[in-house]
Amino acid sequence: MTDLTPPTRRSLADRWFLSHPATVGETYFQHMRFAASFCFWLTVAAGAALIHAVVPALCETTASRILRRLVARMDARH
């Protein structure tokens, strides 16, 4: 017995905006919020690393501490 159902065609919006969030059990806006928060903290960590590069006595562990927290958040999601 063969399956003669035609392959489902997903819309461009579904492929670009909905498929990936669904794979992690989130809506588009939930995923956007998580990703934007992640981006914010990566930017803060990058700033701290830049400050540390210029003045080594400042922000000695800030970037690595932020990155450890982000990894823990990511691991907790999956």
PDB file of N, CA and C in Angstrom:
ATOM      1  N   MET A   1       0.846  -1.170   0.000  1.00  0.00           N
ATOM      2  CA  MET A   1       0.000   0.000   0.000  1.00  0.00           C
ATOM      3  C   MET A   1       0.895   1.238   0.000  1.00  0.00           C
ATOM      4  N   THR A   2       0.605   2.152  -0.876  1.00  0.00           N
ATOM      5  CA  THR A   2       1.422   3.359  -0.953  1.00  0.00           C
ATOM      6  C   THR A   2       0.629   4.554  -0.464  1.00  0.00           C
ATOM      7  N   ASP A   3       1.353   5.507   0.002  1.00  0.00           N
ATOM      8  CA  ASP A   3       0.727   6.737   0.455  1.00  0.00           C
ATOM      9  C   ASP A   3       0.666   7.699  -0.728  1.00  0.00           C
ATOM     10  N   LEU A   4      -0.522   7.979  -1.199  1.00  0.00           N
ATOM     11  CA  LEU A   4      -0.676   8.841  -2.355  1.00  0.00           C
ATOM     12  C   LEU A   4      -1.029  10.277  -1.991  1.00  0.00           C
ATOM     13  N   THR A   5      -0.941  10.603  -0.717  1.00  0.00           N
ATOM     14  CA  THR A   5      -1.249  11.978  -0.333  1.00  0.00           C
ATOM     15  C   THR A   5      -0.149  12.893  -0.845  1.00  0.00           C
ATOM     16  N   PRO A   6      -0.548  14.020  -1.387  1.00  0.00           N
ATOM     17  CA  PRO A   6       0.474  14.926  -1.913  1.00  0.00           C
ATOM     18  C   PRO A   6       1.307  15.517  -0.778  1.00  0.00           C
ATOM     19  N   PRO A   7       2.566  15.816  -1.038  1.00  0.00           N
ATOM     20  CA  PRO A   7       3.391  16.406   0.009  1.00  0.00           C
ATOM     21  C   PRO A   7       2.817  17.761   0.419  1.00  0.00           C
ATOM     22  N   THR A   8       2.868  18.012   1.694  1.00  0.00           N
ATOM     23  CA  THR A   8       2.339  19.287   2.168  1.00  0.00           C
ATOM     24  C   THR A   8       3.305  20.396   1.811  1.00  0.00           C
ATOM     25  N   ARG A   9       2.776  21.470   1.341  1.00  0.00           N
ATOM     26  CA  ARG A   9       3.600  22.629   0.990  1.00  0.00           C
ATOM     27  C   ARG A   9       3.449  23.646   2.106  1.00  0.00           C
ATOM     28  N   ARG A  10       4.561  24.000   2.667  1.00  0.00           N
ATOM     29  CA  ARG A  10       4.525  24.984   3.742  1.00  0.00           C
ATOM     30  C   ARG A  10       4.739  26.362   3.156  1.00  0.00           C
ATOM     31  N   SER A  11       4.048  27.309   3.720  1.00  0.00           N
ATOM     32  CA  SER A  11       4.179  28.679   3.231  1.00  0.00           C
ATOM     33  C   SER A  11       5.536  29.239   3.621  1.00  0.00           C
ATOM     34  N   LEU A  12       5.907  30.294   2.944  1.00  0.00           N
ATOM     35  CA  LEU A  12       7.161  30.969   3.239  1.00  0.00           C
ATOM     36  C   LEU A  12       7.171  31.474   4.680  1.00  0.00           C
ATOM     37  N   ALA A  13       6.054  32.019   5.130  1.00  0.00           N
ATOM     38  CA  ALA A  13       5.957  32.514   6.512  1.00  0.00           C
ATOM     39  C   ALA A  13       6.165  31.375   7.505  1.00  0.00           C
ATOM     40  N   ASP A  14       5.592  30.225   7.210  1.00  0.00           N
ATOM     41  CA  ASP A  14       5.757  29.073   8.097  1.00  0.00           C
ATOM     42  C   ASP A  14       7.212  28.637   8.151  1.00  0.00           C
ATOM     43  N   ARG A  15       7.848  28.549   6.996  1.00  0.00           N
ATOM     44  CA  ARG A  15       9.254  28.103   6.960  1.00  0.00           C
ATOM     45  C   ARG A  15      10.172  29.095   7.643  1.00  0.00           C
ATOM     46  N   TRP A  16       9.965  30.375   7.437  1.00  0.00           N
ATOM     47  CA  TRP A  16      10.894  31.378   7.959  1.00  0.00           C
ATOM     48  C   TRP A  16      10.621  31.773   9.403  1.00  0.00           C
ATOM     49  N   PHE A  17       9.354  31.750   9.815  1.00  0.00           N
ATOM     50  CA  PHE A  17       9.015  32.315  11.115  1.00  0.00           C
ATOM     51  C   PHE A  17       8.427  31.340  12.128  1.00  0.00           C
ATOM     52  N   LEU A  18       7.864  30.240  11.694  1.00  0.00           N
ATOM     53  CA  LEU A  18       7.138  29.383  12.621  1.00  0.00           C
ATOM     54  C   LEU A  18       7.752  28.011  12.841  1.00  0.00           C
ATOM     55  N   SER A  19       8.428  27.475  11.853  1.00  0.00           N
ATOM     56  CA  SER A  19       8.938  26.106  11.959  1.00  0.00           C
ATOM     57  C   SER A  19       9.930  25.931  13.099  1.00  0.00           C
ATOM     58  N   HIS A  20      10.956  26.751  13.139  1.00  0.00           N
ATOM     59  CA  HIS A  20      11.973  26.586  14.172  1.00  0.00           C
ATOM     60  C   HIS A  20      11.429  26.813  15.583  1.00  0.00           C
ATOM     61  N   PRO A  21      10.689  27.887  15.851  1.00  0.00           N
ATOM     62  CA  PRO A  21      10.149  28.028  17.207  1.00  0.00           C
ATOM     63  C   PRO A  21       9.314  26.821  17.630  1.00  0.00           C
ATOM     64  N   ALA A  22       8.588  26.239  16.687  1.00  0.00           N
ATOM     65  CA  ALA A  22       7.773  25.065  17.006  1.00  0.00           C
ATOM     66  C   ALA A  22       8.639  23.880  17.420  1.00  0.00           C
ATOM     67  N   THR A  23       9.844  23.767  16.861  1.00  0.00           N
ATOM     68  CA  THR A  23      10.707  22.630  17.208  1.00  0.00           C
ATOM     69  C   THR A  23      11.196  22.705  18.647  1.00  0.00           C
ATOM     70  N   VAL A  24      11.181  23.885  19.242  1.00  0.00           N
ATOM     71  CA  VAL A  24      11.586  24.020  20.642  1.00  0.00           C
ATOM     72  C   VAL A  24      10.379  24.296  21.540  1.00  0.00           C
ATOM     73  N   GLY A  25       9.179  24.078  20.995  1.00  0.00           N
ATOM     74  CA  GLY A  25       7.959  24.184  21.786  1.00  0.00           C
ATOM     75  C   GLY A  25       7.578  25.609  22.154  1.00  0.00           C
ATOM     76  N   GLU A  26       7.860  26.556  21.275  1.00  0.00           N
ATOM     77  CA  GLU A  26       7.542  27.948  21.557  1.00  0.00           C
ATOM     78  C   GLU A  26       6.751  28.555  20.409  1.00  0.00           C
ATOM     79  N   THR A  27       6.040  29.621  20.737  1.00  0.00           N
ATOM     80  CA  THR A  27       5.408  30.405  19.689  1.00  0.00           C
ATOM     81  C   THR A  27       6.466  31.330  19.106  1.00  0.00           C
ATOM     82  N   TYR A  28       6.104  32.006  18.029  1.00  0.00           N
ATOM     83  CA  TYR A  28       7.033  32.953  17.409  1.00  0.00           C
ATOM     84  C   TYR A  28       7.464  34.022  18.412  1.00  0.00           C
ATOM     85  N   PHE A  29       6.506  34.593  19.146  1.00  0.00           N
ATOM     86  CA  PHE A  29       6.837  35.680  20.062  1.00  0.00           C
ATOM     87  C   PHE A  29       7.595  35.202  21.295  1.00  0.00           C
ATOM     88  N   GLN A  30       7.309  34.013  21.781  1.00  0.00           N
ATOM     89  CA  GLN A  30       8.099  33.457  22.883  1.00  0.00           C
ATOM     90  C   GLN A  30       9.547  33.269  22.448  1.00  0.00           C
ATOM     91  N   HIS A  31       9.719  32.756  21.244  1.00  0.00           N
ATOM     92  CA  HIS A  31      11.068  32.530  20.735  1.00  0.00           C
ATOM     93  C   HIS A  31      11.789  33.856  20.498  1.00  0.00           C
ATOM     94  N   MET A  32      11.051  34.849  19.991  1.00  0.00           N
ATOM     95  CA  MET A  32      11.645  36.165  19.770  1.00  0.00           C
ATOM     96  C   MET A  32      12.129  36.756  21.094  1.00  0.00           C
ATOM     97  N   ARG A  33      11.321  36.618  22.122  1.00  0.00           N
ATOM     98  CA  ARG A  33      11.695  37.165  23.432  1.00  0.00           C
ATOM     99  C   ARG A  33      12.952  36.480  23.961  1.00  0.00           C
ATOM    100  N   PHE A  34      13.004  35.155  23.868  1.00  0.00           N
ATOM    101  CA  PHE A  34      14.178  34.435  24.349  1.00  0.00           C
ATOM    102  C   PHE A  34      15.419  34.839  23.563  1.00  0.00           C
ATOM    103  N   ALA A  35      15.306  34.885  22.239  1.00  0.00           N
ATOM    104  CA  ALA A  35      16.458  35.224  21.395  1.00  0.00           C
ATOM    105  C   ALA A  35      16.913  36.661  21.626  1.00  0.00           C
ATOM    106  N   ALA A  36      15.968  37.589  21.791  1.00  0.00           N
ATOM    107  CA  ALA A  36      16.330  38.984  22.042  1.00  0.00           C
ATOM    108  C   ALA A  36      17.022  39.131  23.397  1.00  0.00           C
ATOM    109  N   SER A  37      16.541  38.406  24.391  1.00  0.00           N
ATOM    110  CA  SER A  37      17.182  38.429  25.705  1.00  0.00           C
ATOM    111  C   SER A  37      18.599  37.866  25.621  1.00  0.00           C
ATOM    112  N   PHE A  38      18.741  36.790  24.885  1.00  0.00           N
ATOM    113  CA  PHE A  38      20.047  36.171  24.685  1.00  0.00           C
ATOM    114  C   PHE A  38      20.997  37.160  24.002  1.00  0.00           C
ATOM    115  N   CYS A  39      20.489  37.847  22.979  1.00  0.00           N
ATOM    116  CA  CYS A  39      21.274  38.839  22.257  1.00  0.00           C
ATOM    117  C   CYS A  39      21.706  39.974  23.184  1.00  0.00           C
ATOM    118  N   PHE A  40      20.787  40.438  24.017  1.00  0.00           N
ATOM    119  CA  PHE A  40      21.112  41.515  24.955  1.00  0.00           C
ATOM    120  C   PHE A  40      22.275  41.108  25.855  1.00  0.00           C
ATOM    121  N   TRP A  41      22.190  39.911  26.450  1.00  0.00           N
ATOM    122  CA  TRP A  41      23.240  39.492  27.385  1.00  0.00           C
ATOM    123  C   TRP A  41      24.555  39.192  26.679  1.00  0.00           C
ATOM    124  N   LEU A  42      24.496  38.720  25.439  1.00  0.00           N
ATOM    125  CA  LEU A  42      25.733  38.550  24.674  1.00  0.00           C
ATOM    126  C   LEU A  42      26.392  39.900  24.404  1.00  0.00           C
ATOM    127  N   THR A  43      25.585  40.918  24.140  1.00  0.00           N
ATOM    128  CA  THR A  43      26.107  42.262  23.918  1.00  0.00           C
ATOM    129  C   THR A  43      26.734  42.821  25.192  1.00  0.00           C
ATOM    130  N   VAL A  44      26.089  42.597  26.320  1.00  0.00           N
ATOM    131  CA  VAL A  44      26.647  43.034  27.606  1.00  0.00           C
ATOM    132  C   VAL A  44      27.977  42.320  27.860  1.00  0.00           C
ATOM    133  N   ALA A  45      28.015  41.009  27.587  1.00  0.00           N
ATOM    134  CA  ALA A  45      29.255  40.246  27.787  1.00  0.00           C
ATOM    135  C   ALA A  45      30.357  40.761  26.862  1.00  0.00           C
ATOM    136  N   ALA A  46      30.007  41.083  25.625  1.00  0.00           N
ATOM    137  CA  ALA A  46      30.998  41.612  24.686  1.00  0.00           C
ATOM    138  C   ALA A  46      31.527  42.960  25.171  1.00  0.00           C
ATOM    139  N   GLY A  47      30.650  43.799  25.691  1.00  0.00           N
ATOM    140  CA  GLY A  47      31.081  45.081  26.237  1.00  0.00           C
ATOM    141  C   GLY A  47      32.013  44.908  27.413  1.00  0.00           C
ATOM    142  N   ALA A  48      31.679  43.973  28.297  1.00  0.00           N
ATOM    143  CA  ALA A  48      32.534  43.708  29.442  1.00  0.00           C
ATOM    144  C   ALA A  48      33.900  43.186  28.993  1.00  0.00           C
ATOM    145  N   ALA A  49      33.918  42.335  27.984  1.00  0.00           N
ATOM    146  CA  ALA A  49      35.183  41.810  27.465  1.00  0.00           C
ATOM    147  C   ALA A  49      36.017  42.929  26.846  1.00  0.00           C
ATOM    148  N   LEU A  50      35.366  43.860  26.161  1.00  0.00           N
ATOM    149  CA  LEU A  50      36.084  44.985  25.570  1.00  0.00           C
ATOM    150  C   LEU A  50      36.672  45.884  26.655  1.00  0.00           C
ATOM    151  N   ILE A  51      35.890  46.157  27.681  1.00  0.00           N
ATOM    152  CA  ILE A  51      36.396  46.951  28.806  1.00  0.00           C
ATOM    153  C   ILE A  51      37.589  46.247  29.434  1.00  0.00           C
ATOM    154  N   HIS A  52      37.474  44.937  29.634  1.00  0.00           N
ATOM    155  CA  HIS A  52      38.562  44.155  30.227  1.00  0.00           C
ATOM    156  C   HIS A  52      39.809  44.173  29.334  1.00  0.00           C
ATOM    157  N   ALA A  53      39.608  44.183  28.024  1.00  0.00           N
ATOM    158  CA  ALA A  53      40.750  44.216  27.100  1.00  0.00           C
ATOM    159  C   ALA A  53      41.529  45.514  27.239  1.00  0.00           C
ATOM    160  N   VAL A  54      40.819  46.604  27.489  1.00  0.00           N
ATOM    161  CA  VAL A  54      41.468  47.905  27.606  1.00  0.00           C
ATOM    162  C   VAL A  54      42.053  48.109  29.000  1.00  0.00           C
ATOM    163  N   VAL A  55      41.270  47.741  30.023  1.00  0.00           N
ATOM    164  CA  VAL A  55      41.713  47.889  31.420  1.00  0.00           C
ATOM    165  C   VAL A  55      41.557  46.528  32.091  1.00  0.00           C
ATOM    166  N   PRO A  56      42.594  45.715  32.102  1.00  0.00           N
ATOM    167  CA  PRO A  56      42.492  44.344  32.604  1.00  0.00           C
ATOM    168  C   PRO A  56      41.987  44.205  34.042  1.00  0.00           C
ATOM    169  N   ALA A  57      42.124  45.239  34.845  1.00  0.00           N
ATOM    170  CA  ALA A  57      41.657  45.141  36.230  1.00  0.00           C
ATOM    171  C   ALA A  57      40.136  45.254  36.338  1.00  0.00           C
ATOM    172  N   LEU A  58      39.463  45.675  35.267  1.00  0.00           N
ATOM    173  CA  LEU A  58      38.007  45.821  35.286  1.00  0.00           C
ATOM    174  C   LEU A  58      37.334  44.627  34.615  1.00  0.00           C
ATOM    175  N   CYS A  59      36.168  44.305  35.102  1.00  0.00           N
ATOM    176  CA  CYS A  59      35.321  43.248  34.502  1.00  0.00           C
ATOM    177  C   CYS A  59      36.092  41.941  34.312  1.00  0.00           C
ATOM    178  N   GLU A  60      36.816  41.543  35.316  1.00  0.00           N
ATOM    179  CA  GLU A  60      37.678  40.354  35.187  1.00  0.00           C
ATOM    180  C   GLU A  60      36.910  39.063  34.912  1.00  0.00           C
ATOM    181  N   THR A  61      35.742  38.926  35.506  1.00  0.00           N
ATOM    182  CA  THR A  61      34.992  37.673  35.324  1.00  0.00           C
ATOM    183  C   THR A  61      33.591  37.902  34.762  1.00  0.00           C
ATOM    184  N   THR A  62      33.267  39.128  34.430  1.00  0.00           N
ATOM    185  CA  THR A  62      31.899  39.454  34.012  1.00  0.00           C
ATOM    186  C   THR A  62      31.477  38.684  32.770  1.00  0.00           C
ATOM    187  N   ALA A  63      32.267  38.727  31.726  1.00  0.00           N
ATOM    188  CA  ALA A  63      31.891  38.067  30.473  1.00  0.00           C
ATOM    189  C   ALA A  63      31.753  36.556  30.654  1.00  0.00           C
ATOM    190  N   SER A  64      32.695  35.944  31.321  1.00  0.00           N
ATOM    191  CA  SER A  64      32.618  34.484  31.497  1.00  0.00           C
ATOM    192  C   SER A  64      31.440  34.098  32.384  1.00  0.00           C
ATOM    193  N   ARG A  65      31.120  34.915  33.380  1.00  0.00           N
ATOM    194  CA  ARG A  65      29.975  34.636  34.251  1.00  0.00           C
ATOM    195  C   ARG A  65      28.670  34.726  33.454  1.00  0.00           C
ATOM    196  N   ILE A  66      28.547  35.745  32.621  1.00  0.00           N
ATOM    197  CA  ILE A  66      27.348  35.892  31.786  1.00  0.00           C
ATOM    198  C   ILE A  66      27.234  34.709  30.823  1.00  0.00           C
ATOM    199  N   LEU A  67      28.337  34.325  30.203  1.00  0.00           N
ATOM    200  CA  LEU A  67      28.298  33.209  29.250  1.00  0.00           C
ATOM    201  C   LEU A  67      27.919  31.901  29.932  1.00  0.00           C
ATOM    202  N   ARG A  68      28.411  31.664  31.145  1.00  0.00           N
ATOM    203  CA  ARG A  68      28.020  30.448  31.877  1.00  0.00           C
ATOM    204  C   ARG A  68      26.516  30.437  32.139  1.00  0.00           C
ATOM    205  N   ARG A  69      25.953  31.590  32.505  1.00  0.00           N
ATOM    206  CA  ARG A  69      24.511  31.664  32.740  1.00  0.00           C
ATOM    207  C   ARG A  69      23.728  31.415  31.458  1.00  0.00           C
ATOM    208  N   LEU A  70      24.213  31.965  30.357  1.00  0.00           N
ATOM    209  CA  LEU A  70      23.517  31.756  29.077  1.00  0.00           C
ATOM    210  C   LEU A  70      23.549  30.281  28.663  1.00  0.00           C
ATOM    211  N   VAL A  71      24.671  29.640  28.855  1.00  0.00           N
ATOM    212  CA  VAL A  71      24.773  28.211  28.529  1.00  0.00           C
ATOM    213  C   VAL A  71      23.816  27.412  29.398  1.00  0.00           C
ATOM    214  N   ALA A  72      23.730  27.755  30.686  1.00  0.00           N
ATOM    215  CA  ALA A  72      22.812  27.050  31.580  1.00  0.00           C
ATOM    216  C   ALA A  72      21.364  27.265  31.145  1.00  0.00           C
ATOM    217  N   ARG A  73      21.026  28.488  30.719  1.00  0.00           N
ATOM    218  CA  ARG A  73      19.662  28.757  30.217  1.00  0.00           C
ATOM    219  C   ARG A  73      19.375  27.939  28.971  1.00  0.00           C
ATOM    220  N   MET A  74      20.337  27.873  28.070  1.00  0.00           N
ATOM    221  CA  MET A  74      20.147  27.127  26.837  1.00  0.00           C
ATOM    222  C   MET A  74      19.990  25.619  27.134  1.00  0.00           C
ATOM    223  N   ASP A  75      20.842  25.104  28.005  1.00  0.00           N
ATOM    224  CA  ASP A  75      20.768  23.690  28.342  1.00  0.00           C
ATOM    225  C   ASP A  75      19.442  23.332  29.032  1.00  0.00           C
ATOM    226  N   ALA A  76      18.916  24.251  29.826  1.00  0.00           N
ATOM    227  CA  ALA A  76      17.668  23.994  30.540  1.00  0.00           C
ATOM    228  C   ALA A  76      16.463  23.947  29.600  1.00  0.00           C
ATOM    229  N   ARG A  77      16.582  24.547  28.437  1.00  0.00           N
ATOM    230  CA  ARG A  77      15.478  24.572  27.477  1.00  0.00           C
ATOM    231  C   ARG A  77      15.313  23.255  26.751  1.00  0.00           C
ATOM    232  N   HIS A  78      16.358  22.474  26.629  1.00  0.00           N
ATOM    233  CA  HIS A  78      16.281  21.283  25.781  1.00  0.00           C
ATOM    234  C   HIS A  78      16.337  20.053  26.602  1.00  0.00           C
TER     235      HIS A  78
END
